């Protein structure tokens, strides 16, 4: 739930997802205000 519960979206719709190493995921929200 984001934007104070007004929307429910999948994370892949909200941020880029990558692996910085074999044990760490990094998510960069398209809109930093909802991190």
ModelCIF file with pLDDT and N, C-alpha, C, O atoms, coordinates in Angstrom:
data_MODEL
#
_entry.id   MODEL 
#
_entity.id                         1 
_entity.type                       polymer 
_entity.pdbx_number_of_molecules   1 
#
_entity_poly.entity_id                      1 
_entity_poly.type                           'polypeptide(L)' 
_entity_poly.nstd_linkage                   no 
_entity_poly.nstd_monomer                   no 
_entity_poly.pdbx_seq_one_letter_code       
;(UNK)(UNK)(UNK)(UNK)(UNK)(UNK)(UNK)(UNK)(UNK)(UNK)(UNK)(UNK)(UNK)(UNK)(UNK)(UNK)
(UNK)(UNK)(UNK)(UNK)(UNK)(UNK)(UNK)(UNK)(UNK)(UNK)(UNK)(UNK)(UNK)(UNK)(UNK)(UNK)
(UNK)(UNK)(UNK)
;
_entity_poly.pdbx_seq_one_letter_code_can   XXXXXXXXXXXXXXXXXXXXXXXXXXXXXXXXXXX 
_entity_poly.pdbx_strand_id                 A 
#
loop_
_entity_poly_seq.entity_id 
_entity_poly_seq.num 
_entity_poly_seq.mon_id 
_entity_poly_seq.hetero 
1 1  UNK n 
1 2  UNK n 
1 3  UNK n 
1 4  UNK n 
1 5  UNK n 
1 6  UNK n 
1 7  UNK n 
1 8  UNK n 
1 9  UNK n 
1 10 UNK n 
1 11 UNK n 
1 12 UNK n 
1 13 UNK n 
1 14 UNK n 
1 15 UNK n 
1 16 UNK n 
1 17 UNK n 
1 18 UNK n 
1 19 UNK n 
1 20 UNK n 
1 21 UNK n 
1 22 UNK n 
1 23 UNK n 
1 24 UNK n 
1 25 UNK n 
1 26 UNK n 
1 27 UNK n 
1 28 UNK n 
1 29 UNK n 
1 30 UNK n 
1 31 UNK n 
1 32 UNK n 
1 33 UNK n 
1 34 UNK n 
1 35 UNK n 
#
_struct_asym.id          A 
_struct_asym.entity_id   1 
#
loop_
_ma_qa_metric.id 
_ma_qa_metric.mode 
_ma_qa_metric.name 
_ma_qa_metric.software_group_id 
_ma_qa_metric.type 
1 global pLDDT . pLDDT 
2 local  pLDDT . pLDDT 
#
_ma_qa_metric_global.metric_id      1 
_ma_qa_metric_global.metric_value   93.94 
_ma_qa_metric_global.model_id       1 
_ma_qa_metric_global.ordinal_id     1 
#
loop_
_ma_qa_metric_local.label_asym_id 
_ma_qa_metric_local.label_comp_id 
_ma_qa_metric_local.label_seq_id 
_ma_qa_metric_local.metric_id 
_ma_qa_metric_local.metric_value 
_ma_qa_metric_local.model_id 
_ma_qa_metric_local.ordinal_id 
A UNK 1  2 94.00 1 1  
A UNK 2  2 94.00 1 2  
A UNK 3  2 94.00 1 3  
A UNK 4  2 91.00 1 4  
A UNK 5  2 88.00 1 5  
A UNK 6  2 93.00 1 6  
A UNK 7  2 94.00 1 7  
A UNK 8  2 95.00 1 8  
A UNK 9  2 95.00 1 9  
A UNK 10 2 93.00 1 10 
A UNK 11 2 96.00 1 11 
A UNK 12 2 95.00 1 12 
A UNK 13 2 96.00 1 13 
A UNK 14 2 96.00 1 14 
A UNK 15 2 97.00 1 15 
A UNK 16 2 96.00 1 16 
A UNK 17 2 96.00 1 17 
A UNK 18 2 95.00 1 18 
A UNK 19 2 92.00 1 19 
A UNK 20 2 91.00 1 20 
A UNK 21 2 90.00 1 21 
A UNK 22 2 85.00 1 22 
A UNK 23 2 89.00 1 23 
A UNK 24 2 93.00 1 24 
A UNK 25 2 95.00 1 25 
A UNK 26 2 97.00 1 26 
A UNK 27 2 97.00 1 27 
A UNK 28 2 96.00 1 28 
A UNK 29 2 96.00 1 29 
A UNK 30 2 96.00 1 30 
A UNK 31 2 96.00 1 31 
A UNK 32 2 93.00 1 32 
A UNK 33 2 94.00 1 33 
A UNK 34 2 95.00 1 34 
A UNK 35 2 95.00 1 35 
#
loop_
_atom_site.group_PDB 
_atom_site.id 
_atom_site.type_symbol 
_atom_site.label_atom_id 
_atom_site.label_alt_id 
_atom_site.label_comp_id 
_atom_site.label_asym_id 
_atom_site.label_entity_id 
_atom_site.label_seq_id 
_atom_site.pdbx_PDB_ins_code 
_atom_site.Cartn_x 
_atom_site.Cartn_y 
_atom_site.Cartn_z 
_atom_site.occupancy 
_atom_site.B_iso_or_equiv 
_atom_site.pdbx_formal_charge 
_atom_site.auth_seq_id 
_atom_site.auth_comp_id 
_atom_site.auth_asym_id 
_atom_site.auth_atom_id 
_atom_site.pdbx_PDB_model_num 
ATOM 1   N N  . UNK A 1 1  ? 0.859  -1.195  0.000   1.00 94.00 ? 1  UNK A N  1 
ATOM 2   C CA . UNK A 1 1  ? 0.000  0.000   0.000   1.00 94.00 ? 1  UNK A CA 1 
ATOM 3   C C  . UNK A 1 1  ? 0.887  1.235   0.000   1.00 94.00 ? 1  UNK A C  1 
ATOM 4   O O  . UNK A 1 1  ? 1.803  1.346   0.815   1.00 94.00 ? 1  UNK A O  1 
ATOM 5   N N  . UNK A 1 2  ? 0.621  2.154   -0.904  1.00 94.00 ? 2  UNK A N  1 
ATOM 6   C CA . UNK A 1 2  ? 1.416  3.383   -0.991  1.00 94.00 ? 2  UNK A CA 1 
ATOM 7   C C  . UNK A 1 2  ? 0.495  4.599   -1.093  1.00 94.00 ? 2  UNK A C  1 
ATOM 8   O O  . UNK A 1 2  ? -0.717 4.479   -1.271  1.00 94.00 ? 2  UNK A O  1 
ATOM 9   N N  . UNK A 1 3  ? 1.115  5.771   -0.973  1.00 94.00 ? 3  UNK A N  1 
ATOM 10  C CA . UNK A 1 3  ? 0.373  7.032   -1.023  1.00 94.00 ? 3  UNK A CA 1 
ATOM 11  C C  . UNK A 1 3  ? -0.766 7.031   -0.013  1.00 94.00 ? 3  UNK A C  1 
ATOM 12  O O  . UNK A 1 3  ? -1.928 7.305   -0.312  1.00 94.00 ? 3  UNK A O  1 
ATOM 13  N N  . UNK A 1 4  ? -0.335 6.695   1.231   1.00 91.00 ? 4  UNK A N  1 
ATOM 14  C CA . UNK A 1 4  ? -1.261 6.696   2.369   1.00 91.00 ? 4  UNK A CA 1 
ATOM 15  C C  . UNK A 1 4  ? -2.433 5.740   2.169   1.00 91.00 ? 4  UNK A C  1 
ATOM 16  O O  . UNK A 1 4  ? -3.563 6.026   2.566   1.00 91.00 ? 4  UNK A O  1 
ATOM 17  N N  . UNK A 1 5  ? -2.146 4.612   1.552   1.00 88.00 ? 5  UNK A N  1 
ATOM 18  C CA . UNK A 1 5  ? -3.150 3.564   1.392   1.00 88.00 ? 5  UNK A CA 1 
ATOM 19  C C  . UNK A 1 5  ? -4.116 3.755   0.249   1.00 88.00 ? 5  UNK A C  1 
ATOM 20  O O  . UNK A 1 5  ? -5.078 2.997   0.125   1.00 88.00 ? 5  UNK A O  1 
ATOM 21  N N  . UNK A 1 6  ? -3.886 4.753   -0.596  1.00 93.00 ? 6  UNK A N  1 
ATOM 22  C CA . UNK A 1 6  ? -4.819 5.004   -1.702  1.00 93.00 ? 6  UNK A CA 1 
ATOM 23  C C  . UNK A 1 6  ? -4.572 4.089   -2.892  1.00 93.00 ? 6  UNK A C  1 
ATOM 24  O O  . UNK A 1 6  ? -5.434 3.940   -3.758  1.00 93.00 ? 6  UNK A O  1 
ATOM 25  N N  . UNK A 1 7  ? -3.377 3.468   -2.934  1.00 94.00 ? 7  UNK A N  1 
ATOM 26  C CA . UNK A 1 7  ? -3.064 2.566   -4.046  1.00 94.00 ? 7  UNK A CA 1 
ATOM 27  C C  . UNK A 1 7  ? -2.363 1.317   -3.528  1.00 94.00 ? 7  UNK A C  1 
ATOM 28  O O  . UNK A 1 7  ? -1.575 1.376   -2.584  1.00 94.00 ? 7  UNK A O  1 
ATOM 29  N N  . UNK A 1 8  ? -2.664 0.178   -4.168  1.00 95.00 ? 8  UNK A N  1 
ATOM 30  C CA . UNK A 1 8  ? -1.975 -1.079  -3.862  1.00 95.00 ? 8  UNK A CA 1 
ATOM 31  C C  . UNK A 1 8  ? -1.336 -1.574  -5.163  1.00 95.00 ? 8  UNK A C  1 
ATOM 32  O O  . UNK A 1 8  ? -2.028 -1.904  -6.126  1.00 95.00 ? 8  UNK A O  1 
ATOM 33  N N  . UNK A 1 9  ? -0.015 -1.615  -5.168  1.00 95.00 ? 9  UNK A N  1 
ATOM 34  C CA . UNK A 1 9  ? 0.715  -1.961  -6.382  1.00 95.00 ? 9  UNK A CA 1 
ATOM 35  C C  . UNK A 1 9  ? 1.825  -2.958  -6.062  1.00 95.00 ? 9  UNK A C  1 
ATOM 36  O O  . UNK A 1 9  ? 2.288  -3.063  -4.926  1.00 95.00 ? 9  UNK A O  1 
ATOM 37  N N  . UNK A 1 10 ? 2.237  -3.684  -7.099  1.00 93.00 ? 10 UNK A N  1 
ATOM 38  C CA . UNK A 1 10 ? 3.368  -4.590  -6.940  1.00 93.00 ? 10 UNK A CA 1 
ATOM 39  C C  . UNK A 1 10 ? 4.663  -3.788  -6.920  1.00 93.00 ? 10 UNK A C  1 
ATOM 40  O O  . UNK A 1 10 ? 4.763  -2.728  -7.538  1.00 93.00 ? 10 UNK A O  1 
ATOM 41  N N  . UNK A 1 11 ? 5.639  -4.302  -6.211  1.00 96.00 ? 11 UNK A N  1 
ATOM 42  C CA . UNK A 1 11 ? 6.892  -3.572  -6.062  1.00 96.00 ? 11 UNK A CA 1 
ATOM 43  C C  . UNK A 1 11 ? 7.563  -3.304  -7.407  1.00 96.00 ? 11 UNK A C  1 
ATOM 44  O O  . UNK A 1 11 ? 8.177  -2.253  -7.591  1.00 96.00 ? 11 UNK A O  1 
ATOM 45  N N  . UNK A 1 12 ? 7.453  -4.230  -8.335  1.00 95.00 ? 12 UNK A N  1 
ATOM 46  C CA . UNK A 1 12 ? 8.096  -4.007  -9.635  1.00 95.00 ? 12 UNK A CA 1 
ATOM 47  C C  . UNK A 1 12 ? 7.436  -2.864  -10.405 1.00 95.00 ? 12 UNK A C  1 
ATOM 48  O O  . UNK A 1 12 ? 7.997  -2.366  -11.381 1.00 95.00 ? 12 UNK A O  1 
ATOM 49  N N  . UNK A 1 13 ? 6.251  -2.449  -9.969  1.00 96.00 ? 13 UNK A N  1 
ATOM 50  C CA . UNK A 1 13 ? 5.598  -1.292  -10.571 1.00 96.00 ? 13 UNK A CA 1 
ATOM 51  C C  . UNK A 1 13 ? 6.016  0.010   -9.898  1.00 96.00 ? 13 UNK A C  1 
ATOM 52  O O  . UNK A 1 13 ? 5.708  1.102   -10.374 1.00 96.00 ? 13 UNK A O  1 
ATOM 53  N N  . UNK A 1 14 ? 6.723  -0.132  -8.780  1.00 96.00 ? 14 UNK A N  1 
ATOM 54  C CA . UNK A 1 14 ? 7.075  1.040   -7.973  1.00 96.00 ? 14 UNK A CA 1 
ATOM 55  C C  . UNK A 1 14 ? 8.565  1.341   -7.920  1.00 96.00 ? 14 UNK A C  1 
ATOM 56  O O  . UNK A 1 14 ? 8.968  2.443   -7.548  1.00 96.00 ? 14 UNK A O  1 
ATOM 57  N N  . UNK A 1 15 ? 9.384  0.360   -8.294  1.00 97.00 ? 15 UNK A N  1 
ATOM 58  C CA . UNK A 1 15 ? 10.829 0.549   -8.141  1.00 97.00 ? 15 UNK A CA 1 
ATOM 59  C C  . UNK A 1 15 ? 11.609 -0.361  -9.071  1.00 97.00 ? 15 UNK A C  1 
ATOM 60  O O  . UNK A 1 15 ? 11.105 -1.391  -9.518  1.00 97.00 ? 15 UNK A O  1 
ATOM 61  N N  . UNK A 1 16 ? 12.845 0.028   -9.359  1.00 96.00 ? 16 UNK A N  1 
ATOM 62  C CA . UNK A 1 16 ? 13.764 -0.883  -10.042 1.00 96.00 ? 16 UNK A CA 1 
ATOM 63  C C  . UNK A 1 16 ? 14.337 -1.813  -8.981  1.00 96.00 ? 16 UNK A C  1 
ATOM 64  O O  . UNK A 1 16 ? 14.586 -1.396  -7.850  1.00 96.00 ? 16 UNK A O  1 
ATOM 65  N N  . UNK A 1 17 ? 14.544 -3.068  -9.349  1.00 96.00 ? 17 UNK A N  1 
ATOM 66  C CA . UNK A 1 17 ? 15.046 -4.068  -8.397  1.00 96.00 ? 17 UNK A CA 1 
ATOM 67  C C  . UNK A 1 17 ? 16.284 -4.718  -8.993  1.00 96.00 ? 17 UNK A C  1 
ATOM 68  O O  . UNK A 1 17 ? 16.251 -5.206  -10.122 1.00 96.00 ? 17 UNK A O  1 
ATOM 69  N N  . UNK A 1 18 ? 17.361 -4.724  -8.249  1.00 95.00 ? 18 UNK A N  1 
ATOM 70  C CA . UNK A 1 18 ? 18.603 -5.328  -8.734  1.00 95.00 ? 18 UNK A CA 1 
ATOM 71  C C  . UNK A 1 18 ? 19.338 -5.983  -7.570  1.00 95.00 ? 18 UNK A C  1 
ATOM 72  O O  . UNK A 1 18 ? 19.039 -5.734  -6.402  1.00 95.00 ? 18 UNK A O  1 
ATOM 73  N N  . UNK A 1 19 ? 20.303 -6.824  -7.917  1.00 92.00 ? 19 UNK A N  1 
ATOM 74  C CA . UNK A 1 19 ? 21.121 -7.477  -6.890  1.00 92.00 ? 19 UNK A CA 1 
ATOM 75  C C  . UNK A 1 19 ? 22.519 -6.873  -6.948  1.00 92.00 ? 19 UNK A C  1 
ATOM 76  O O  . UNK A 1 19 ? 23.223 -7.011  -7.948  1.00 92.00 ? 19 UNK A O  1 
ATOM 77  N N  . UNK A 1 20 ? 22.914 -6.208  -5.877  1.00 91.00 ? 20 UNK A N  1 
ATOM 78  C CA . UNK A 1 20 ? 24.253 -5.603  -5.859  1.00 91.00 ? 20 UNK A CA 1 
ATOM 79  C C  . UNK A 1 20 ? 25.327 -6.653  -5.600  1.00 91.00 ? 20 UNK A C  1 
ATOM 80  O O  . UNK A 1 20 ? 26.493 -6.464  -5.949  1.00 91.00 ? 20 UNK A O  1 
ATOM 81  N N  . UNK A 1 21 ? 24.920 -7.759  -4.986  1.00 90.00 ? 21 UNK A N  1 
ATOM 82  C CA . UNK A 1 21 ? 25.808 -8.911  -4.784  1.00 90.00 ? 21 UNK A CA 1 
ATOM 83  C C  . UNK A 1 21 ? 24.900 -10.115 -4.537  1.00 90.00 ? 21 UNK A C  1 
ATOM 84  O O  . UNK A 1 21 ? 23.684 -9.947  -4.438  1.00 90.00 ? 21 UNK A O  1 
ATOM 85  N N  . UNK A 1 22 ? 25.454 -11.321 -4.435  1.00 85.00 ? 22 UNK A N  1 
ATOM 86  C CA . UNK A 1 22 ? 24.602 -12.513 -4.289  1.00 85.00 ? 22 UNK A CA 1 
ATOM 87  C C  . UNK A 1 22 ? 23.695 -12.522 -3.069  1.00 85.00 ? 22 UNK A C  1 
ATOM 88  O O  . UNK A 1 22 ? 22.764 -13.325 -3.007  1.00 85.00 ? 22 UNK A O  1 
ATOM 89  N N  . UNK A 1 23 ? 23.943 -11.653 -2.100  1.00 89.00 ? 23 UNK A N  1 
ATOM 90  C CA . UNK A 1 23 ? 23.152 -11.659 -0.872  1.00 89.00 ? 23 UNK A CA 1 
ATOM 91  C C  . UNK A 1 23 ? 22.370 -10.366 -0.633  1.00 89.00 ? 23 UNK A C  1 
ATOM 92  O O  . UNK A 1 23 ? 21.711 -10.228 0.398   1.00 89.00 ? 23 UNK A O  1 
ATOM 93  N N  . UNK A 1 24 ? 22.436 -9.413  -1.577  1.00 93.00 ? 24 UNK A N  1 
ATOM 94  C CA . UNK A 1 24 ? 21.790 -8.113  -1.322  1.00 93.00 ? 24 UNK A CA 1 
ATOM 95  C C  . UNK A 1 24 ? 20.944 -7.644  -2.490  1.00 93.00 ? 24 UNK A C  1 
ATOM 96  O O  . UNK A 1 24 ? 21.409 -7.576  -3.627  1.00 93.00 ? 24 UNK A O  1 
ATOM 97  N N  . UNK A 1 25 ? 19.690 -7.321  -2.189  1.00 95.00 ? 25 UNK A N  1 
ATOM 98  C CA . UNK A 1 25 ? 18.797 -6.710  -3.173  1.00 95.00 ? 25 UNK A CA 1 
ATOM 99  C C  . UNK A 1 25 ? 18.767 -5.204  -2.939  1.00 95.00 ? 25 UNK A C  1 
ATOM 100 O O  . UNK A 1 25 ? 18.777 -4.734  -1.801  1.00 95.00 ? 25 UNK A O  1 
ATOM 101 N N  . UNK A 1 26 ? 18.729 -4.463  -4.035  1.00 97.00 ? 26 UNK A N  1 
ATOM 102 C CA . UNK A 1 26 ? 18.648 -3.007  -3.948  1.00 97.00 ? 26 UNK A CA 1 
ATOM 103 C C  . UNK A 1 26 ? 17.403 -2.549  -4.710  1.00 97.00 ? 26 UNK A C  1 
ATOM 104 O O  . UNK A 1 26 ? 17.231 -2.873  -5.885  1.00 97.00 ? 26 UNK A O  1 
ATOM 105 N N  . UNK A 1 27 ? 16.538 -1.795  -4.029  1.00 97.00 ? 27 UNK A N  1 
ATOM 106 C CA . UNK A 1 27 ? 15.326 -1.259  -4.636  1.00 97.00 ? 27 UNK A CA 1 
ATOM 107 C C  . UNK A 1 27 ? 15.445 0.260   -4.708  1.00 97.00 ? 27 UNK A C  1 
ATOM 108 O O  . UNK A 1 27 ? 15.715 0.922   -3.707  1.00 97.00 ? 27 UNK A O  1 
ATOM 109 N N  . UNK A 1 28 ? 15.243 0.787   -5.881  1.00 96.00 ? 28 UNK A N  1 
ATOM 110 C CA . UNK A 1 28 ? 15.272 2.240   -6.054  1.00 96.00 ? 28 UNK A CA 1 
ATOM 111 C C  . UNK A 1 28 ? 13.887 2.696   -6.509  1.00 96.00 ? 28 UNK A C  1 
ATOM 112 O O  . UNK A 1 28 ? 13.546 2.550   -7.683  1.00 96.00 ? 28 UNK A O  1 
ATOM 113 N N  . UNK A 1 29 ? 13.086 3.245   -5.600  1.00 96.00 ? 29 UNK A N  1 
ATOM 114 C CA . UNK A 1 29 ? 11.719 3.674   -5.956  1.00 96.00 ? 29 UNK A CA 1 
ATOM 115 C C  . UNK A 1 29 ? 11.732 4.740   -7.049  1.00 96.00 ? 29 UNK A C  1 
ATOM 116 O O  . UNK A 1 29 ? 12.596 5.616   -7.073  1.00 96.00 ? 29 UNK A O  1 
ATOM 117 N N  . UNK A 1 30 ? 10.770 4.647   -7.942  1.00 96.00 ? 30 UNK A N  1 
ATOM 118 C CA . UNK A 1 30 ? 10.627 5.681   -8.968  1.00 96.00 ? 30 UNK A CA 1 
ATOM 119 C C  . UNK A 1 30 ? 10.266 7.014   -8.307  1.00 96.00 ? 30 UNK A C  1 
ATOM 120 O O  . UNK A 1 30 ? 10.643 8.089   -8.775  1.00 96.00 ? 30 UNK A O  1 
ATOM 121 N N  . UNK A 1 31 ? 9.526  6.903   -7.207  1.00 96.00 ? 31 UNK A N  1 
ATOM 122 C CA . UNK A 1 31 ? 9.165  8.087   -6.411  1.00 96.00 ? 31 UNK A CA 1 
ATOM 123 C C  . UNK A 1 31 ? 9.764  7.895   -5.020  1.00 96.00 ? 31 UNK A C  1 
ATOM 124 O O  . UNK A 1 31 ? 9.210  7.140   -4.221  1.00 96.00 ? 31 UNK A O  1 
ATOM 125 N N  . UNK A 1 32 ? 10.881 8.559   -4.705  1.00 93.00 ? 32 UNK A N  1 
ATOM 126 C CA . UNK A 1 32 ? 11.553 8.379   -3.410  1.00 93.00 ? 32 UNK A CA 1 
ATOM 127 C C  . UNK A 1 32 ? 10.656 8.656   -2.208  1.00 93.00 ? 32 UNK A C  1 
ATOM 128 O O  . UNK A 1 32 ? 10.934 8.182   -1.106  1.00 93.00 ? 32 UNK A O  1 
ATOM 129 N N  . UNK A 1 33 ? 9.598  9.410   -2.406  1.00 94.00 ? 33 UNK A N  1 
ATOM 130 C CA . UNK A 1 33 ? 8.745  9.763   -1.266  1.00 94.00 ? 33 UNK A CA 1 
ATOM 131 C C  . UNK A 1 33 ? 7.990  8.562   -0.693  1.00 94.00 ? 33 UNK A C  1 
ATOM 132 O O  . UNK A 1 33 ? 7.475  8.636   0.422   1.00 94.00 ? 33 UNK A O  1 
ATOM 133 N N  . UNK A 1 34 ? 7.918  7.466   -1.438  1.00 95.00 ? 34 UNK A N  1 
ATOM 134 C CA . UNK A 1 34 ? 7.184  6.295   -0.941  1.00 95.00 ? 34 UNK A CA 1 
ATOM 135 C C  . UNK A 1 34 ? 8.133  5.179   -0.493  1.00 95.00 ? 34 UNK A C  1 
ATOM 136 O O  . UNK A 1 34 ? 7.687  4.057   -0.253  1.00 95.00 ? 34 UNK A O  1 
ATOM 137 N N  . UNK A 1 35 ? 9.416  5.467   -0.380  1.00 95.00 ? 35 UNK A N  1 
ATOM 138 C CA . UNK A 1 35 ? 10.393 4.453   0.013   1.00 95.00 ? 35 UNK A CA 1 
ATOM 139 C C  . UNK A 1 35 ? 10.036 3.827   1.360   1.00 95.00 ? 35 UNK A C  1 
ATOM 140 O O  . UNK A 1 35 ? 10.755 2.952   1.844   1.00 95.00 ? 35 UNK A O  1 
#
